[in-house]
């Protein structure tokens, strides 16, 4: 069975892939490649995010 990548779209034309992280594994590193990144929590608990950007040509 193929898994379908969950997505979100603000306008029905532009689609963003969603990646859900297990809250029990909320510390660590995730490799990401793309044009946009949004960090969101499903609850009201404050959290901190640190990130780095590496440009490769």
N, C-alpha and C. Protein backbone atom coordinates (compact mmCIF):
# COMPACT_ATOMS: atom_id res chain seq x y z
N UNK A 1 0.84 -1.18 0.00
CA UNK A 1 0.00 0.00 0.00
C UNK A 1 0.89 1.24 0.00
N UNK A 2 0.63 2.17 -0.92
CA UNK A 2 1.39 3.41 -0.99
C UNK A 2 0.85 4.40 0.04
N UNK A 3 1.78 5.11 0.68
CA UNK A 3 1.38 6.17 1.61
C UNK A 3 1.29 7.48 0.84
N UNK A 4 0.29 8.26 1.15
CA UNK A 4 0.11 9.57 0.51
C UNK A 4 0.62 10.64 1.46
N UNK A 5 1.43 11.56 0.94
CA UNK A 5 1.97 12.66 1.74
C UNK A 5 0.84 13.62 2.08
N UNK A 6 0.59 13.88 3.38
CA UNK A 6 -0.43 14.87 3.72
C UNK A 6 0.02 16.27 3.28
N UNK A 7 -0.91 17.07 2.81
CA UNK A 7 -0.59 18.41 2.34
C UNK A 7 -1.58 19.43 2.88
N UNK A 8 -1.20 20.69 2.77
CA UNK A 8 -2.06 21.82 3.12
C UNK A 8 -1.97 22.82 1.98
N UNK A 9 -3.06 23.47 1.66
CA UNK A 9 -3.06 24.48 0.61
C UNK A 9 -3.84 25.71 1.06
N UNK A 10 -3.27 26.90 0.92
CA UNK A 10 -4.00 28.11 1.30
C UNK A 10 -4.96 28.59 0.20
N UNK A 11 -4.71 28.16 -1.04
CA UNK A 11 -5.49 28.71 -2.16
C UNK A 11 -5.98 27.65 -3.15
N UNK A 12 -5.73 26.38 -2.89
CA UNK A 12 -6.14 25.33 -3.80
C UNK A 12 -5.18 25.10 -4.96
N UNK A 13 -4.17 25.96 -5.09
CA UNK A 13 -3.19 25.83 -6.17
C UNK A 13 -1.80 25.49 -5.65
N UNK A 14 -1.38 26.17 -4.59
CA UNK A 14 -0.08 25.94 -3.99
C UNK A 14 -0.24 24.92 -2.88
N UNK A 15 0.55 23.85 -2.93
CA UNK A 15 0.43 22.78 -1.93
C UNK A 15 1.72 22.67 -1.13
N UNK A 16 1.58 22.52 0.17
CA UNK A 16 2.72 22.36 1.08
C UNK A 16 2.62 20.99 1.72
N UNK A 17 3.74 20.27 1.75
CA UNK A 17 3.78 18.96 2.41
C UNK A 17 3.77 19.15 3.92
N UNK A 18 3.08 18.27 4.63
CA UNK A 18 3.04 18.30 6.08
C UNK A 18 3.82 17.12 6.64
N UNK A 19 4.61 17.38 7.66
CA UNK A 19 5.34 16.33 8.37
C UNK A 19 4.98 16.45 9.84
N UNK A 20 4.44 15.40 10.40
CA UNK A 20 4.03 15.40 11.80
C UNK A 20 5.11 14.71 12.64
N UNK A 21 5.55 15.38 13.70
CA UNK A 21 6.61 14.86 14.57
C UNK A 21 5.98 14.39 15.86
N UNK A 22 6.34 13.20 16.29
CA UNK A 22 5.85 12.65 17.56
C UNK A 22 6.34 13.55 18.70
N UNK A 23 5.44 14.08 19.54
CA UNK A 23 5.86 14.96 20.64
C UNK A 23 6.88 14.32 21.58
N UNK A 24 6.89 13.00 21.68
CA UNK A 24 7.87 12.32 22.52
C UNK A 24 9.27 12.40 21.91
N UNK A 25 9.35 12.71 20.62
CA UNK A 25 10.63 12.82 19.92
C UNK A 25 10.81 14.24 19.41
N UNK A 26 10.41 15.20 20.21
CA UNK A 26 10.41 16.59 19.74
C UNK A 26 11.78 17.26 19.79
N UNK A 27 12.78 16.59 20.32
CA UNK A 27 14.14 17.14 20.31
C UNK A 27 14.96 16.33 19.33
N UNK A 28 15.78 17.01 18.56
CA UNK A 28 16.61 16.29 17.61
C UNK A 28 16.82 17.11 16.36
N UNK A 29 17.22 16.44 15.31
CA UNK A 29 17.49 17.10 14.04
C UNK A 29 16.65 16.47 12.94
N UNK A 30 16.16 17.31 12.06
CA UNK A 30 15.42 16.84 10.90
C UNK A 30 16.00 17.52 9.68
N UNK A 31 16.30 16.74 8.66
CA UNK A 31 16.82 17.29 7.41
C UNK A 31 15.63 17.68 6.55
N UNK A 32 15.67 18.88 6.01
CA UNK A 32 14.56 19.40 5.22
C UNK A 32 15.10 20.02 3.95
N UNK A 33 14.43 19.80 2.85
CA UNK A 33 14.79 20.43 1.59
C UNK A 33 13.51 20.97 0.95
N UNK A 34 13.48 22.25 0.66
CA UNK A 34 12.28 22.81 0.05
C UNK A 34 12.34 24.32 -0.01
N UNK A 35 11.23 24.93 -0.37
CA UNK A 35 11.16 26.38 -0.54
C UNK A 35 10.53 27.11 0.63
N UNK A 36 9.92 26.37 1.56
CA UNK A 36 9.26 27.02 2.69
C UNK A 36 9.25 26.07 3.87
N UNK A 37 9.19 26.64 5.06
CA UNK A 37 9.14 25.84 6.28
C UNK A 37 8.28 26.58 7.29
N UNK A 38 7.32 25.89 7.87
CA UNK A 38 6.48 26.45 8.93
C UNK A 38 6.49 25.47 10.09
N UNK A 39 6.59 25.99 11.29
CA UNK A 39 6.59 25.16 12.50
C UNK A 39 5.30 25.47 13.25
N UNK A 40 4.55 24.44 13.59
CA UNK A 40 3.24 24.64 14.22
C UNK A 40 3.02 23.55 15.26
N UNK A 41 2.38 23.90 16.34
CA UNK A 41 2.02 22.94 17.39
C UNK A 41 0.51 22.75 17.38
N UNK A 42 0.07 21.55 17.72
CA UNK A 42 -1.36 21.27 17.78
C UNK A 42 -1.94 21.60 19.16
N UNK A 43 -1.11 22.13 20.08
CA UNK A 43 -1.63 22.53 21.39
C UNK A 43 -1.12 23.93 21.72
N UNK A 44 -1.47 24.43 22.89
CA UNK A 44 -1.12 25.80 23.27
C UNK A 44 0.16 25.91 24.09
N UNK A 45 0.88 24.81 24.28
CA UNK A 45 2.12 24.83 25.04
C UNK A 45 3.21 25.56 24.24
N UNK A 46 3.82 26.60 24.82
CA UNK A 46 4.89 27.31 24.11
C UNK A 46 6.06 26.38 23.81
N UNK A 47 6.75 26.65 22.70
CA UNK A 47 7.92 25.86 22.35
C UNK A 47 8.93 26.75 21.63
N UNK A 48 10.16 26.28 21.55
CA UNK A 48 11.24 27.00 20.89
C UNK A 48 11.77 26.18 19.75
N UNK A 49 12.10 26.84 18.65
CA UNK A 49 12.67 26.18 17.49
C UNK A 49 13.96 26.88 17.13
N UNK A 50 15.00 26.10 16.90
CA UNK A 50 16.26 26.63 16.38
C UNK A 50 16.48 26.00 15.01
N UNK A 51 16.96 26.78 14.05
CA UNK A 51 17.16 26.22 12.73
C UNK A 51 18.39 26.84 12.08
N UNK A 52 18.91 26.16 11.08
CA UNK A 52 20.04 26.65 10.31
C UNK A 52 19.70 26.49 8.84
N UNK A 53 20.24 27.38 8.02
CA UNK A 53 20.02 27.33 6.58
C UNK A 53 21.36 27.13 5.90
N UNK A 54 21.42 26.17 4.98
CA UNK A 54 22.63 25.91 4.22
C UNK A 54 22.27 26.01 2.74
N UNK A 55 22.94 26.90 2.02
CA UNK A 55 22.71 27.07 0.59
C UNK A 55 23.73 26.24 -0.17
N UNK A 56 23.24 25.41 -1.07
CA UNK A 56 24.14 24.66 -1.95
C UNK A 56 23.78 25.02 -3.39
N UNK A 57 24.81 25.22 -4.19
CA UNK A 57 24.58 25.58 -5.60
C UNK A 57 25.15 24.53 -6.51
